[in-house]
C-alpha atoms as a PDB file:
ATOM      1  CA  MET A   1       0.002   0.001   0.013  1.00  0.00           C
ATOM      2  CA  ARG A   2       1.310   3.350  -1.024  1.00  0.00           C
ATOM      3  CA  ARG A   3       0.403   6.438   1.054  1.00  0.00           C
ATOM      4  CA  ILE A   4       0.545   9.957  -0.334  1.00  0.00           C
ATOM      5  CA  TYR A   5       0.664  12.569   2.393  1.00  0.00           C
ATOM      6  CA  ILE A   6      -0.306  16.014   1.061  1.00  0.00           C
ATOM      7  CA  ASP A   7       0.479  19.212   2.933  1.00  0.00           C
ATOM      8  CA  VAL A   8      -2.730  21.191   2.994  1.00  0.00           C
ATOM      9  CA  GLY A   9      -1.326  23.747   5.392  1.00  0.00           C
ATOM     10  CA  GLY A  10      -3.051  25.343   8.343  1.00  0.00           C
ATOM     11  CA  LEU A  11      -4.472  28.669   9.549  1.00  0.00           C
ATOM     12  CA  THR A  12      -1.032  30.244   9.718  1.00  0.00           C
ATOM     13  CA  CYS A  13       0.282  28.921   6.473  1.00  0.00           C
ATOM     14  CA  PRO A  14      -2.510  27.918   4.077  1.00  0.00           C
ATOM     15  CA  LYS A  15      -1.351  26.115   0.945  1.00  0.00           C
ATOM     16  CA  LYS A  16      -3.153  27.536  -2.021  1.00  0.00           C
ATOM     17  CA  GLY A  17      -4.584  24.864  -4.299  1.00  0.00           C
ATOM     18  CA  SER A  18      -3.708  21.881  -2.049  1.00  0.00           C
ATOM     19  CA  SER A  19      -7.328  20.867  -1.385  1.00  0.00           C
ATOM     20  CA  ALA A  20      -8.161  20.923  -5.084  1.00  0.00           C
ATOM     21  CA  PHE A  21      -5.056  18.929  -5.795  1.00  0.00           C
ATOM     22  CA  VAL A  22      -6.147  16.293  -3.202  1.00  0.00           C
ATOM     23  CA  GLU A  23      -9.418  15.779  -5.108  1.00  0.00           C
ATOM     24  CA  ALA A  24      -7.768  15.814  -8.477  1.00  0.00           C
ATOM     25  CA  LEU A  25      -5.284  13.164  -7.401  1.00  0.00           C
ATOM     26  CA  ARG A  26      -7.899  10.967  -5.911  1.00  0.00           C
ATOM     27  CA  LYS A  27      -9.957  11.186  -9.101  1.00  0.00           C
ATOM     28  CA  LYS A  28      -6.934  10.171 -11.206  1.00  0.00           C
ATOM     29  CA  ILE A  29      -6.172   7.262  -8.884  1.00  0.00           C
ATOM     30  CA  ARG A  30      -9.716   5.961  -9.248  1.00  0.00           C
ATOM     31  CA  LYS A  31      -9.623   6.344 -12.976  1.00  0.00           C
ATOM     32  CA  ALA A  32      -6.373   4.376 -13.103  1.00  0.00           C
ATOM     33  CA  GLY A  33      -7.870   1.535 -11.099  1.00  0.00           C
ATOM     34  CA  LEU A  34      -5.483   1.996  -8.176  1.00  0.00           C
ATOM     35  CA  GLU A  35      -8.032   2.270  -5.411  1.00  0.00           C
ATOM     36  CA  GLY A  36      -6.993  -0.033  -2.582  1.00  0.00           C
ATOM     37  CA  GLN A  37      -3.382   0.302  -3.561  1.00  0.00           C
ATOM     38  CA  VAL A  38      -2.863   4.039  -3.000  1.00  0.00           C
ATOM     39  CA  GLU A  39      -4.212   6.105  -0.130  1.00  0.00           C
ATOM     40  CA  VAL A  40      -4.247   9.875  -0.275  1.00  0.00           C
ATOM     41  CA  ILE A  41      -3.969  11.443   3.144  1.00  0.00           C
ATOM     42  CA  PRO A  42      -4.255  15.287   3.626  1.00  0.00           C
ATOM     43  CA  ARG A  43      -2.187  16.570   6.519  1.00  0.00           C
ATOM     44  CA  GLY A  44      -1.642  19.841   8.331  1.00  0.00           C
ATOM     45  CA  CYS A  45       1.539  21.791   7.792  1.00  0.00           C
ATOM     46  CA  PHE A  46       4.678  19.601   7.669  1.00  0.00           C
ATOM     47  CA  GLY A  47       6.736  22.450   9.035  1.00  0.00           C
ATOM     48  CA  LEU A  48       7.722  23.467   5.567  1.00  0.00           C
ATOM     49  CA  CYS A  49       6.043  26.836   5.792  1.00  0.00           C
ATOM     50  CA  ASN A  50       8.178  28.535   3.150  1.00  0.00           C
ATOM     51  CA  LEU A  51       7.310  25.987   0.478  1.00  0.00           C
ATOM     52  CA  ALA A  52       3.944  25.404  -1.207  1.00  0.00           C
ATOM     53  CA  PRO A  53       2.507  22.943  -1.798  1.00  0.00           C
ATOM     54  CA  ASN A  54       4.293  19.600  -0.827  1.00  0.00           C
ATOM     55  CA  LEU A  55       3.550  15.892  -0.791  1.00  0.00           C
ATOM     56  CA  TYR A  56       5.402  12.850   0.344  1.00  0.00           C
ATOM     57  CA  ILE A  57       4.988   9.273  -1.030  1.00  0.00           C
ATOM     58  CA  GLU A  58       5.580   6.382   1.321  1.00  0.00           C
ATOM     59  CA  PRO A  59       7.365   3.952   1.126  1.00  0.00           C
ATOM     60  CA  ASP A  60       9.074   5.465  -1.906  1.00  0.00           C
ATOM     61  CA  GLY A  61      10.642   8.210   0.156  1.00  0.00           C
ATOM     62  CA  ILE A  62       9.994  10.748  -2.582  1.00  0.00           C
ATOM     63  CA  TRP A  63       9.078  14.438  -1.905  1.00  0.00           C
ATOM     64  CA  TYR A  64       7.344  16.430  -4.573  1.00  0.00           C
ATOM     65  CA  SER A  65       6.928  20.225  -4.389  1.00  0.00           C
ATOM     66  CA  ARG A  66       5.744  23.183  -6.461  1.00  0.00           C
ATOM     67  CA  PHE A  67       3.282  21.073  -8.474  1.00  0.00           C
ATOM     68  CA  THR A  68       0.083  22.216 -10.150  1.00  0.00           C
ATOM     69  CA  LEU A  69      -3.305  20.550 -10.799  1.00  0.00           C
ATOM     70  CA  ARG A  70      -2.057  19.366 -14.093  1.00  0.00           C
ATOM     71  CA  ASP A  71       0.633  17.360 -12.358  1.00  0.00           C
ATOM     72  CA  ALA A  72      -1.866  15.050 -10.645  1.00  0.00           C
ATOM     73  CA  SER A  73      -2.197  12.984 -13.892  1.00  0.00           C
ATOM     74  CA  VAL A  74       1.600  13.057 -14.392  1.00  0.00           C
ATOM     75  CA  ILE A  75       2.294  11.712 -10.870  1.00  0.00           C
ATOM     76  CA  VAL A  76      -0.279   8.955 -11.258  1.00  0.00           C
ATOM     77  CA  ARG A  77       0.795   7.935 -14.753  1.00  0.00           C
ATOM     78  CA  GLN A  78       4.554   8.268 -14.460  1.00  0.00           C
ATOM     79  CA  HIS A  79       5.200   7.569 -10.728  1.00  0.00           C
ATOM     80  CA  LEU A  80       2.464   5.275  -9.556  1.00  0.00           C
ATOM     81  CA  ILE A  81       1.952   3.289 -12.788  1.00  0.00           C
ATOM     82  CA  GLN A  82       5.319   3.329 -14.544  1.00  0.00           C
ATOM     83  CA  GLY A  83       7.446   3.541 -11.405  1.00  0.00           C
ATOM     84  CA  LYS A  84       9.460   6.526 -12.669  1.00  0.00           C
ATOM     85  CA  PRO A  85       9.751   9.522 -10.338  1.00  0.00           C
ATOM     86  CA  VAL A  86       8.869  12.923 -11.775  1.00  0.00           C
ATOM     87  CA  THR A  87      12.351  14.366 -11.404  1.00  0.00           C
ATOM     88  CA  ARG A  88      11.351  17.966 -12.113  1.00  0.00           C
ATOM     89  CA  LEU A  89       9.120  17.926  -9.045  1.00  0.00           C
ATOM     90  CA  ILE A  90      11.438  16.190  -6.566  1.00  0.00           C
ATOM     91  CA  HIS A  91      12.430  18.202  -3.607  1.00  0.00           C
ATOM     92  CA  TYR A  92      14.176  16.870  -0.422  1.00  0.00           C
ATOM     93  CA  PRO A  93      13.670  19.516   2.238  1.00  0.00           C
ATOM     94  CA  LYS A  94      16.623  20.560   4.348  1.00  0.00           C
ATOM     95  CA  ARG A  95      16.674  18.835   7.775  1.00  0.00           C
ATOM     96  CA  GLY A  96      16.420  22.283   9.479  1.00  0.00           C
ATOM     97  CA  LEU A  97      13.051  22.934   7.790  1.00  0.00           C
ATOM     98  CA  VAL A  98      11.632  19.535   8.721  1.00  0.00           C
ATOM     99  CA  ARG A  99      12.637  19.183  12.342  1.00  0.00           C
ATOM    100  CA  ARG A 100      13.445  22.012  14.632  1.00  0.00           C
ATOM    101  CA  LYS A 101      15.744  21.251  17.496  1.00  0.00           C
ATOM    102  CA  GLN A 102      13.860  23.391  20.020  1.00  0.00           C
ATOM    103  CA  GLY A 103      10.143  23.635  19.748  1.00  0.00           C
ATOM    104  CA  GLY A 104       8.164  24.305  16.619  1.00  0.00           C
ATOM    105  CA  SER A 105       6.765  21.782  14.189  1.00  0.00           C
ATOM    106  CA  GLN A 106       8.119  18.291  13.677  1.00  0.00           C
ATOM    107  CA  MET A 107       7.727  15.898  10.831  1.00  0.00           C
ATOM    108  CA  PRO A 108       5.010  13.410  11.638  1.00  0.00           C
ATOM    109  CA  GLU A 109       6.479   9.980  12.323  1.00  0.00           C
ATOM    110  CA  ALA A 110       4.460   8.444   9.457  1.00  0.00           C
ATOM    111  CA  LEU A 111       6.433  10.757   7.017  1.00  0.00           C
ATOM    112  CA  VAL A 112       9.896   9.486   7.983  1.00  0.00           C
ATOM    113  CA  ALA A 113      11.006   7.244   5.088  1.00  0.00           C
ATOM    114  CA  ARG A 114      10.776   3.638   6.202  1.00  0.00           C
ATOM    115  CA  GLU A 115      12.666   0.656   4.889  1.00  0.00           C
ATOM    116  CA  VAL A 116      11.134  -1.252   1.959  1.00  0.00           C
ATOM    117  CA  SER A 117       9.488  -4.507   2.872  1.00  0.00           C
ATOM    118  CA  VAL A 118       9.303  -8.004   1.319  1.00  0.00           C
ATOM    119  CA  GLY A 119       6.372  -8.312  -1.064  1.00  0.00           C
ATOM    120  CA  GLU A 120       6.396  -4.729  -2.125  1.00  0.00           C
ATOM    121  CA  VAL A 121       7.186  -3.591  -5.682  1.00  0.00           C
ATOM    122  CA  ALA A 122      10.805  -2.426  -5.655  1.00  0.00           C
ATOM    123  CA  PRO A 123      11.121   1.260  -6.377  1.00  0.00           C
ATOM    124  CA  ASP A 124      12.573   1.748  -9.760  1.00  0.00           C
ATOM    125  CA  PHE A 125      15.749   3.766 -10.323  1.00  0.00           C
ATOM    126  CA  THR A 126      18.505   4.502 -12.873  1.00  0.00           C
ATOM    127  CA  LEU A 127      22.092   4.811 -11.724  1.00  0.00           C
ATOM    128  CA  LYS A 128      25.476   4.952 -13.395  1.00  0.00           C
ATOM    129  CA  ASN A 129      27.812   1.848 -13.175  1.00  0.00           C
ATOM    130  CA  GLU A 130      31.514   2.009 -12.913  1.00  0.00           C
ATOM    131  CA  ASP A 131      31.827   2.884 -16.641  1.00  0.00           C
ATOM    132  CA  GLY A 132      29.406   5.796 -16.409  1.00  0.00           C
ATOM    133  CA  GLN A 133      26.638   3.780 -18.246  1.00  0.00           C
ATOM    134  CA  GLU A 134      23.103   4.052 -16.934  1.00  0.00           C
ATOM    135  CA  VAL A 135      21.472   0.975 -15.465  1.00  0.00           C
ATOM    136  CA  ALA A 136      17.746   0.885 -14.805  1.00  0.00           C
ATOM    137  CA  LEU A 137      16.275  -1.645 -12.367  1.00  0.00           C
ATOM    138  CA  SER A 138      13.178  -2.017 -14.486  1.00  0.00           C
ATOM    139  CA  GLY A 139      15.328  -3.239 -17.371  1.00  0.00           C
ATOM    140  CA  PHE A 140      15.723  -6.572 -15.595  1.00  0.00           C
ATOM    141  CA  ARG A 141      11.984  -7.171 -15.017  1.00  0.00           C
ATOM    142  CA  GLY A 142      10.834 -10.467 -16.506  1.00  0.00           C
ATOM    143  CA  LYS A 143      14.454 -11.390 -17.304  1.00  0.00           C
ATOM    144  CA  LYS A 144      16.551 -11.750 -14.111  1.00  0.00           C
ATOM    145  CA  ASN A 145      16.456 -11.542 -10.458  1.00  0.00           C
ATOM    146  CA  VAL A 146      18.567  -8.647  -9.053  1.00  0.00           C
ATOM    147  CA  VAL A 147      20.627  -8.486  -5.837  1.00  0.00           C
ATOM    148  CA  LEU A 148      21.189  -4.934  -4.621  1.00  0.00           C
ATOM    149  CA  ALA A 149      24.101  -5.059  -2.161  1.00  0.00           C
ATOM    150  CA  PHE A 150      24.044  -1.619  -0.446  1.00  0.00           C
ATOM    151  CA  TYR A 151      27.218  -0.818   1.385  1.00  0.00           C
ATOM    152  CA  PRO A 152      28.733   2.331   2.986  1.00  0.00           C
ATOM    153  CA  PHE A 153      31.926   3.107   1.102  1.00  0.00           C
ATOM    154  CA  ASP A 154      34.523   1.837  -1.377  1.00  0.00           C
ATOM    155  CA  TRP A 155      38.002   1.085  -0.031  1.00  0.00           C
ATOM    156  CA  SER A 156      36.825   0.286   3.527  1.00  0.00           C
ATOM    157  CA  PRO A 157      37.783  -3.049   5.140  1.00  0.00           C
ATOM    158  CA  VAL A 158      34.311  -4.814   5.474  1.00  0.00           C
ATOM    159  CA  CYS A 159      33.097  -3.493   2.144  1.00  0.00           C
ATOM    160  CA  THR A 160      36.224  -4.840   0.475  1.00  0.00           C
ATOM    161  CA  THR A 161      35.843  -8.254   2.067  1.00  0.00           C
ATOM    162  CA  GLU A 162      32.142  -8.699   1.188  1.00  0.00           C
ATOM    163  CA  ASN A 163      32.431  -7.394  -2.390  1.00  0.00           C
ATOM    164  CA  CYS A 164      35.345  -9.826  -2.998  1.00  0.00           C
ATOM    165  CA  ALA A 165      33.098 -12.628  -1.642  1.00  0.00           C
ATOM    166  CA  LEU A 166      30.251 -11.593  -3.999  1.00  0.00           C
ATOM    167  CA  THR A 167      32.566 -11.847  -7.000  1.00  0.00           C
ATOM    168  CA  GLU A 168      33.847 -15.257  -5.734  1.00  0.00           C
ATOM    169  CA  ASP A 169      30.230 -16.508  -5.641  1.00  0.00           C
ATOM    170  CA  LEU A 170      29.203 -14.782  -8.831  1.00  0.00           C
ATOM    171  CA  ALA A 171      28.775 -18.091 -10.752  1.00  0.00           C
ATOM    172  CA  LYS A 172      26.366 -19.390  -8.085  1.00  0.00           C
ATOM    173  CA  PHE A 173      24.194 -16.214  -8.486  1.00  0.00           C
ATOM    174  CA  GLU A 174      24.320 -16.408 -12.299  1.00  0.00           C
ATOM    175  CA  GLY A 175      23.237 -20.046 -12.069  1.00  0.00           C
ATOM    176  CA  LYS A 176      20.051 -18.733 -10.496  1.00  0.00           C
ATOM    177  CA  GLU A 177      19.625 -16.125 -13.244  1.00  0.00           C
ATOM    178  CA  THR A 178      20.520 -13.360 -10.881  1.00  0.00           C
ATOM    179  CA  ALA A 179      22.510 -10.139 -11.494  1.00  0.00           C
ATOM    180  CA  ILE A 180      24.465  -8.585  -8.611  1.00  0.00           C
ATOM    181  CA  PHE A 181      25.027  -4.914  -8.163  1.00  0.00           C
ATOM    182  CA  GLY A 182      26.984  -3.253  -5.324  1.00  0.00           C
ATOM    183  CA  VAL A 183      25.381   0.057  -4.510  1.00  0.00           C
ATOM    184  CA  SER A 184      27.070   2.837  -2.579  1.00  0.00           C
ATOM    185  CA  CYS A 185      27.267   6.609  -2.450  1.00  0.00           C
ATOM    186  CA  ASP A 186      30.696   6.750  -4.100  1.00  0.00           C
ATOM    187  CA  SER A 187      31.276   8.273  -7.543  1.00  0.00           C
ATOM    188  CA  HIS A 188      31.470   6.018 -10.563  1.00  0.00           C
ATOM    189  CA  PHE A 189      35.143   7.089 -10.854  1.00  0.00           C
ATOM    190  CA  SER A 190      35.872   5.649  -7.403  1.00  0.00           C
ATOM    191  CA  HIS A 191      33.943   2.562  -8.340  1.00  0.00           C
ATOM    192  CA  LYS A 192      35.938   1.952 -11.429  1.00  0.00           C
ATOM    193  CA  ALA A 193      39.343   2.326  -9.652  1.00  0.00           C
ATOM    194  CA  TRP A 194      38.218   0.071  -6.700  1.00  0.00           C
ATOM    195  CA  ARG A 195      36.712  -2.509  -8.949  1.00  0.00           C
ATOM    196  CA  GLU A 196      39.908  -2.756 -11.024  1.00  0.00           C
ATOM    197  CA  LYS A 197      42.133  -2.769  -7.917  1.00  0.00           C
ATOM    198  CA  LEU A 198      40.159  -5.777  -6.399  1.00  0.00           C
ATOM    199  CA  GLY A 199      39.473  -7.501  -9.703  1.00  0.00           C
ATOM    200  CA  LEU A 200      35.672  -7.491  -9.046  1.00  0.00           C
ATOM    201  CA  LYS A 201      33.459  -9.042 -11.699  1.00  0.00           C
ATOM    202  CA  HIS A 202      30.104  -7.793 -10.575  1.00  0.00           C
ATOM    203  CA  SER A 203      29.067  -4.221 -11.387  1.00  0.00           C
ATOM    204  CA  LEU A 204      28.920  -1.264  -8.963  1.00  0.00           C
ATOM    205  CA  LEU A 205      26.317   1.498  -9.049  1.00  0.00           C
ATOM    206  CA  SER A 206      26.869   5.066  -7.969  1.00  0.00           C
ATOM    207  CA  ASP A 207      24.125   6.502  -5.731  1.00  0.00           C
ATOM    208  CA  LEU A 208      26.055   9.781  -5.478  1.00  0.00           C
ATOM    209  CA  LYS A 209      22.950  11.882  -4.615  1.00  0.00           C
ATOM    210  CA  ARG A 210      21.733   9.361  -1.991  1.00  0.00           C
ATOM    211  CA  GLU A 211      18.347   9.233  -3.829  1.00  0.00           C
ATOM    212  CA  VAL A 212      18.042   5.439  -4.041  1.00  0.00           C
ATOM    213  CA  SER A 213      19.212   4.759  -0.503  1.00  0.00           C
ATOM    214  CA  ARG A 214      16.677   7.328   0.689  1.00  0.00           C
ATOM    215  CA  LYS A 215      13.998   5.840  -1.537  1.00  0.00           C
ATOM    216  CA  TYR A 216      14.608   2.357  -0.130  1.00  0.00           C
ATOM    217  CA  GLY A 217      14.711   3.731   3.412  1.00  0.00           C
ATOM    218  CA  LEU A 218      18.376   2.603   3.697  1.00  0.00           C
ATOM    219  CA  TYR A 219      20.025   6.017   4.115  1.00  0.00           C
ATOM    220  CA  LEU A 220      22.238   6.260   7.189  1.00  0.00           C
ATOM    221  CA  GLU A 221      22.203   9.997   8.095  1.00  0.00           C
ATOM    222  CA  GLU A 222      24.980   9.916  10.713  1.00  0.00           C
ATOM    223  CA  LEU A 223      27.578   8.777   8.127  1.00  0.00           C
ATOM    224  CA  ASN A 224      25.889  10.308   5.062  1.00  0.00           C
ATOM    225  CA  CYS A 225      25.872   6.941   3.294  1.00  0.00           C
ATOM    226  CA  SER A 226      23.740   3.888   2.734  1.00  0.00           C
ATOM    227  CA  LYS A 227      23.326   1.157   5.367  1.00  0.00           C
ATOM    228  CA  ARG A 228      24.860  -2.236   4.839  1.00  0.00           C
ATOM    229  CA  ALA A 229      21.859  -4.002   3.465  1.00  0.00           C
ATOM    230  CA  THR A 230      20.817  -6.589   0.857  1.00  0.00           C
ATOM    231  CA  VAL A 231      17.630  -6.359  -1.219  1.00  0.00           C
ATOM    232  CA  VAL A 232      16.724  -9.204  -3.668  1.00  0.00           C
ATOM    233  CA  VAL A 233      14.258  -8.208  -6.421  1.00  0.00           C
ATOM    234  CA  ASP A 234      12.641 -11.084  -8.177  1.00  0.00           C
ATOM    235  CA  LYS A 235      11.825 -11.187 -11.932  1.00  0.00           C
ATOM    236  CA  SER A 236       8.309  -9.751 -11.309  1.00  0.00           C
ATOM    237  CA  GLY A 237       9.891  -6.631  -9.810  1.00  0.00           C
ATOM    238  CA  LYS A 238       8.836  -7.471  -6.216  1.00  0.00           C
ATOM    239  CA  ILE A 239      11.150  -7.566  -3.181  1.00  0.00           C
ATOM    240  CA  ALA A 240      11.775 -11.214  -2.263  1.00  0.00           C
ATOM    241  CA  PHE A 241      14.310 -10.684   0.511  1.00  0.00           C
ATOM    242  CA  LYS A 242      15.651  -7.782   2.545  1.00  0.00           C
ATOM    243  CA  LYS A 243      18.165  -7.778   5.369  1.00  0.00           C
ATOM    244  CA  VAL A 244      19.987  -4.839   7.031  1.00  0.00           C
ATOM    245  CA  GLN A 245      23.331  -5.714   8.674  1.00  0.00           C
ATOM    246  CA  GLU A 246      25.171  -4.047  11.471  1.00  0.00           C
ATOM    247  CA  ILE A 247      27.580  -1.500   9.853  1.00  0.00           C
ATOM    248  CA  LYS A 248      30.635  -3.735  10.550  1.00  0.00           C
ATOM    249  CA  VAL A 249      28.990  -7.057   9.905  1.00  0.00           C
ATOM    250  CA  PRO A 250      29.437  -8.555   6.333  1.00  0.00           C
ATOM    251  CA  ARG A 251      26.511 -10.104   4.505  1.00  0.00           C
ATOM    252  CA  ASN A 252      26.071 -13.894   4.219  1.00  0.00           C
ATOM    253  CA  ASN A 253      26.043 -15.029   0.621  1.00  0.00           C
ATOM    254  CA  GLU A 254      24.560 -18.435   1.319  1.00  0.00           C
ATOM    255  CA  GLU A 255      21.592 -16.781   3.083  1.00  0.00           C
ATOM    256  CA  ILE A 256      21.006 -14.572  -0.009  1.00  0.00           C
ATOM    257  CA  LEU A 257      21.331 -17.436  -2.409  1.00  0.00           C
ATOM    258  CA  GLY A 258      18.741 -19.376  -0.391  1.00  0.00           C
ATOM    259  CA  ALA A 259      16.282 -16.597  -0.725  1.00  0.00           C
ATOM    260  CA  ILE A 260      16.386 -16.635  -4.557  1.00  0.00           C
ATOM    261  CA  ARG A 261      13.886 -18.843  -6.104  1.00  0.00           C
END
């Protein structure tokens, strides 16, 4: 179930057009046959009083801002149906605007991006690999399972150990029609140098803007990187397995292989 929280403002910061947008979005969702799959929830001010209007899509972890009534159909068609975020409307508010250290408004707990769950459709994305070539998750749908091995940083000890292990077991994964991608917030230039240094055979994806780790609820704010986590996406595009490790604990390849059907 997706939930779309829409900021309709309050007495001190009314959001012009938000109520009309709520109705327009609900209408488009009904027309697309998505009732029961998407819930639209109007909320009071999110604490973003200098922005108008805003919405947050859970569990995708996507913020949209400065949209118009016309964008209701675009959000439904492109984001909800095709699984492609409307990039021109994306806005991640600064932390200072969302949560104030002393008093003032706070982000409702329901709006904090949560981790993706098994059984959900995996949020689509496109990232650059070590060669700077774009890789889209949706390109594997109906063809291969995909293992997304999120890790904090290239060149670090645990990340080095587990990525070498993934390459050593690559044939086992390929035998199960599965592609492996390491995903971190490093640049694709760092990925290329590190991959060549270690002799890795699986590909590495650059989440330099932290958008995918945020979208999957796997962003570790204290270190400004992704958590150490594994997400297995099956051929239908749904999440078949998810596990988050302690930051210094490497993943278990046999456990991952056992989750792939």
